[in-house]
N, C-alpha and C. Protein backbone atom coordinates (compact mmCIF):
# COMPACT_ATOMS: atom_id res chain seq x y z
N MET A 1 -9.79 -11.54 -4.67
CA MET A 1 -8.93 -11.80 -3.52
C MET A 1 -7.78 -10.82 -3.57
N GLY A 2 -7.42 -10.29 -2.42
CA GLY A 2 -6.29 -9.37 -2.36
C GLY A 2 -5.44 -9.62 -1.12
N ILE A 3 -4.20 -9.26 -1.21
CA ILE A 3 -3.26 -9.37 -0.10
C ILE A 3 -2.68 -7.99 0.14
N LEU A 4 -2.69 -7.54 1.38
CA LEU A 4 -2.06 -6.27 1.74
C LEU A 4 -0.84 -6.57 2.58
N GLN A 5 0.32 -6.20 2.08
CA GLN A 5 1.59 -6.38 2.80
C GLN A 5 2.01 -5.01 3.30
N CYS A 6 1.91 -4.79 4.62
CA CYS A 6 2.24 -3.48 5.20
C CYS A 6 3.59 -3.54 5.91
N LYS A 7 4.35 -2.51 5.68
CA LYS A 7 5.65 -2.37 6.35
C LYS A 7 5.72 -0.97 6.92
N TRP A 8 5.98 -0.87 8.22
CA TRP A 8 6.19 0.45 8.82
C TRP A 8 7.49 1.04 8.27
N TYR A 9 8.53 0.21 8.21
CA TYR A 9 9.81 0.63 7.68
C TYR A 9 10.37 -0.50 6.83
N TYR A 10 10.84 -0.18 5.65
CA TYR A 10 11.43 -1.20 4.80
C TYR A 10 12.58 -0.58 4.03
N SER A 11 13.79 -1.05 4.27
CA SER A 11 14.95 -0.49 3.59
C SER A 11 15.45 -1.38 2.46
N GLY A 12 14.77 -2.49 2.25
CA GLY A 12 15.21 -3.43 1.22
C GLY A 12 14.71 -3.07 -0.16
N ASN A 13 14.88 -3.98 -1.09
CA ASN A 13 14.49 -3.82 -2.47
C ASN A 13 12.99 -4.12 -2.60
N LEU A 14 12.22 -3.13 -3.04
CA LEU A 14 10.77 -3.31 -3.14
C LEU A 14 10.38 -4.32 -4.21
N CYS A 15 11.17 -4.41 -5.28
CA CYS A 15 10.89 -5.42 -6.31
C CYS A 15 11.03 -6.82 -5.74
N GLU A 16 12.07 -7.04 -4.96
CA GLU A 16 12.29 -8.35 -4.34
C GLU A 16 11.17 -8.68 -3.36
N LEU A 17 10.74 -7.69 -2.57
CA LEU A 17 9.62 -7.90 -1.65
C LEU A 17 8.36 -8.28 -2.42
N ALA A 18 8.12 -7.61 -3.54
CA ALA A 18 6.96 -7.92 -4.37
C ALA A 18 7.05 -9.35 -4.91
N ARG A 19 8.20 -9.74 -5.41
CA ARG A 19 8.38 -11.11 -5.94
C ARG A 19 8.21 -12.16 -4.84
N GLN A 20 8.76 -11.89 -3.65
CA GLN A 20 8.63 -12.85 -2.54
C GLN A 20 7.18 -12.99 -2.11
N THR A 21 6.46 -11.87 -2.04
CA THR A 21 5.05 -11.91 -1.64
C THR A 21 4.24 -12.68 -2.66
N LEU A 22 4.46 -12.41 -3.94
CA LEU A 22 3.75 -13.15 -4.99
C LEU A 22 4.05 -14.64 -4.94
N ALA A 23 5.30 -14.99 -4.69
CA ALA A 23 5.68 -16.41 -4.64
C ALA A 23 4.91 -17.16 -3.56
N VAL A 24 4.62 -16.47 -2.47
CA VAL A 24 3.91 -17.10 -1.36
C VAL A 24 2.43 -17.28 -1.68
N VAL A 25 1.81 -16.32 -2.37
CA VAL A 25 0.36 -16.37 -2.53
C VAL A 25 -0.13 -16.87 -3.88
N ARG A 26 0.67 -16.79 -4.92
CA ARG A 26 0.18 -17.10 -6.26
C ARG A 26 -0.21 -18.56 -6.48
N ASP A 27 0.45 -19.50 -5.84
CA ASP A 27 0.06 -20.90 -6.01
C ASP A 27 -1.34 -21.16 -5.49
N ARG A 28 -1.64 -20.54 -4.36
CA ARG A 28 -2.95 -20.77 -3.74
C ARG A 28 -4.04 -19.89 -4.33
N TRP A 29 -3.70 -18.63 -4.64
CA TRP A 29 -4.66 -17.67 -5.19
C TRP A 29 -4.07 -17.05 -6.46
N PRO A 30 -4.21 -17.70 -7.61
CA PRO A 30 -3.54 -17.26 -8.83
C PRO A 30 -3.96 -15.88 -9.33
N ASN A 31 -5.16 -15.44 -9.03
CA ASN A 31 -5.64 -14.14 -9.51
C ASN A 31 -5.57 -13.06 -8.44
N CYS A 32 -4.83 -13.32 -7.41
CA CYS A 32 -4.73 -12.40 -6.28
C CYS A 32 -4.04 -11.10 -6.68
N LYS A 33 -4.54 -9.98 -6.17
CA LYS A 33 -3.91 -8.66 -6.33
C LYS A 33 -3.15 -8.36 -5.05
N VAL A 34 -1.90 -7.94 -5.17
CA VAL A 34 -1.06 -7.65 -4.01
C VAL A 34 -0.80 -6.15 -3.93
N VAL A 35 -1.05 -5.57 -2.76
CA VAL A 35 -0.72 -4.17 -2.51
C VAL A 35 0.31 -4.16 -1.39
N ILE A 36 1.44 -3.52 -1.64
CA ILE A 36 2.48 -3.38 -0.64
C ILE A 36 2.53 -1.92 -0.22
N ALA A 37 2.27 -1.67 1.05
CA ALA A 37 2.26 -0.30 1.58
C ALA A 37 3.47 -0.13 2.49
N VAL A 38 4.28 0.87 2.19
CA VAL A 38 5.49 1.15 2.97
C VAL A 38 5.39 2.58 3.48
N LEU A 39 5.27 2.73 4.79
CA LEU A 39 5.13 4.07 5.35
C LEU A 39 6.45 4.82 5.39
N LEU A 40 7.48 4.18 5.89
CA LEU A 40 8.79 4.80 5.97
C LEU A 40 9.81 3.87 5.33
N GLY A 41 10.83 4.40 4.74
CA GLY A 41 11.87 3.55 4.18
C GLY A 41 12.22 3.94 2.77
N SER A 42 12.36 2.97 1.92
CA SER A 42 12.86 3.19 0.57
C SER A 42 12.04 4.24 -0.16
N ARG A 43 12.71 5.20 -0.73
CA ARG A 43 12.06 6.22 -1.54
C ARG A 43 12.23 5.92 -3.02
N THR A 44 12.87 4.82 -3.35
CA THR A 44 13.06 4.47 -4.75
C THR A 44 11.97 3.50 -5.17
N ARG A 45 11.27 3.88 -6.18
CA ARG A 45 10.25 2.98 -6.71
C ARG A 45 10.94 1.96 -7.62
N PRO A 46 10.49 0.73 -7.56
CA PRO A 46 11.11 -0.28 -8.42
C PRO A 46 10.86 0.05 -9.89
N GLU A 47 11.86 -0.22 -10.71
CA GLU A 47 11.72 0.04 -12.14
C GLU A 47 10.75 -0.94 -12.79
N ILE A 48 10.77 -2.17 -12.33
CA ILE A 48 9.88 -3.19 -12.90
C ILE A 48 9.07 -3.79 -11.76
N ILE A 49 7.79 -3.49 -11.75
CA ILE A 49 6.89 -4.04 -10.73
C ILE A 49 6.21 -5.26 -11.34
N PRO A 50 6.26 -6.40 -10.65
CA PRO A 50 5.60 -7.59 -11.20
C PRO A 50 4.10 -7.35 -11.42
N ASP A 51 3.53 -7.99 -12.44
CA ASP A 51 2.09 -7.89 -12.68
C ASP A 51 1.33 -8.32 -11.44
N GLY A 52 0.26 -7.61 -11.15
CA GLY A 52 -0.58 -7.95 -10.01
C GLY A 52 -0.11 -7.35 -8.70
N VAL A 53 0.90 -6.47 -8.75
CA VAL A 53 1.43 -5.85 -7.53
C VAL A 53 1.34 -4.33 -7.66
N GLN A 54 0.89 -3.70 -6.60
CA GLN A 54 0.89 -2.24 -6.52
C GLN A 54 1.71 -1.85 -5.31
N ILE A 55 2.68 -0.94 -5.51
CA ILE A 55 3.51 -0.44 -4.42
C ILE A 55 2.97 0.93 -4.02
N MET A 56 2.74 1.12 -2.72
CA MET A 56 2.27 2.41 -2.23
C MET A 56 3.24 2.93 -1.18
N LEU A 57 3.77 4.11 -1.41
CA LEU A 57 4.65 4.76 -0.45
C LEU A 57 3.85 5.80 0.32
N LEU A 58 4.49 6.50 1.23
CA LEU A 58 3.82 7.44 2.11
C LEU A 58 2.95 8.44 1.35
N GLU A 59 3.48 9.02 0.28
CA GLU A 59 2.70 10.02 -0.46
C GLU A 59 1.48 9.41 -1.13
N ASP A 60 1.57 8.15 -1.55
CA ASP A 60 0.42 7.46 -2.14
C ASP A 60 -0.68 7.24 -1.11
N ILE A 61 -0.27 6.79 0.08
CA ILE A 61 -1.23 6.54 1.16
C ILE A 61 -1.89 7.84 1.59
N ALA A 62 -1.10 8.90 1.74
CA ALA A 62 -1.64 10.21 2.12
C ALA A 62 -2.64 10.72 1.09
N SER A 63 -2.34 10.55 -0.19
CA SER A 63 -3.25 10.99 -1.25
C SER A 63 -4.58 10.25 -1.19
N LEU A 64 -4.53 8.94 -0.93
CA LEU A 64 -5.77 8.16 -0.82
C LEU A 64 -6.60 8.55 0.39
N VAL A 65 -5.93 8.80 1.53
CA VAL A 65 -6.65 9.25 2.73
C VAL A 65 -7.34 10.57 2.43
N LEU A 66 -6.64 11.50 1.79
CA LEU A 66 -7.23 12.79 1.45
C LEU A 66 -8.37 12.64 0.46
N LYS A 67 -8.19 11.81 -0.54
CA LYS A 67 -9.22 11.59 -1.57
C LYS A 67 -10.51 11.02 -0.97
N HIS A 68 -10.38 10.09 -0.03
CA HIS A 68 -11.55 9.40 0.54
C HIS A 68 -11.88 9.89 1.95
N ARG A 69 -11.45 11.09 2.28
CA ARG A 69 -11.59 11.60 3.65
C ARG A 69 -13.03 11.65 4.15
N ASN A 70 -13.99 11.83 3.28
CA ASN A 70 -15.39 11.90 3.73
C ASN A 70 -15.95 10.55 4.13
N ARG A 71 -15.25 9.47 3.81
CA ARG A 71 -15.70 8.12 4.17
C ARG A 71 -14.82 7.47 5.22
N LEU A 72 -13.80 8.19 5.71
CA LEU A 72 -12.85 7.60 6.66
C LEU A 72 -12.98 8.27 8.03
N PRO A 73 -13.39 7.51 9.04
CA PRO A 73 -13.45 8.08 10.39
C PRO A 73 -12.10 8.66 10.84
N LEU A 74 -11.01 8.06 10.40
CA LEU A 74 -9.69 8.56 10.76
C LEU A 74 -9.47 9.98 10.26
N ALA A 75 -10.04 10.31 9.10
CA ALA A 75 -9.87 11.66 8.53
C ALA A 75 -10.45 12.73 9.44
N LEU A 76 -11.56 12.42 10.11
CA LEU A 76 -12.14 13.38 11.06
C LEU A 76 -11.18 13.60 12.22
N SER A 77 -10.59 12.52 12.74
CA SER A 77 -9.62 12.63 13.84
C SER A 77 -8.40 13.44 13.43
N LEU A 78 -8.00 13.32 12.16
CA LEU A 78 -6.84 14.05 11.67
C LEU A 78 -7.16 15.50 11.31
N GLY A 79 -8.44 15.87 11.38
CA GLY A 79 -8.85 17.23 11.04
C GLY A 79 -8.93 17.48 9.55
N LEU A 80 -9.10 16.43 8.75
CA LEU A 80 -9.19 16.59 7.30
C LEU A 80 -10.60 16.94 6.82
N VAL A 81 -11.59 16.70 7.68
CA VAL A 81 -12.97 17.07 7.38
C VAL A 81 -13.57 17.73 8.61
N GLU A 82 -14.56 18.58 8.37
CA GLU A 82 -15.23 19.23 9.48
C GLU A 82 -16.31 18.32 10.04
N ASN A 83 -16.47 18.35 11.35
CA ASN A 83 -17.51 17.57 12.00
C ASN A 83 -18.86 18.21 11.68
N ALA A 84 -19.79 17.40 11.15
CA ALA A 84 -21.10 17.91 10.77
C ALA A 84 -21.99 18.21 11.96
N ASN A 85 -21.61 17.74 13.15
CA ASN A 85 -22.45 17.94 14.34
C ASN A 85 -22.28 19.31 14.91
């Protein structure tokens, strides 16, 4: 089970966001993995990330799109892969 918490913009404390998200889901899904994706906003990574939480900022998301570009239809639209047709 996983939870994806997406924020277009987040200027708050990412550690606090991680703790709040875990507090909401852990009682119901104790083994849940939480991924928090922040496109714009805080550039400071939290010093202590709670267990079971992964924080992804813009550069992390961009790296994953590039890494998996051959399996993502969006990558073709972005011009990251050549159209085989």
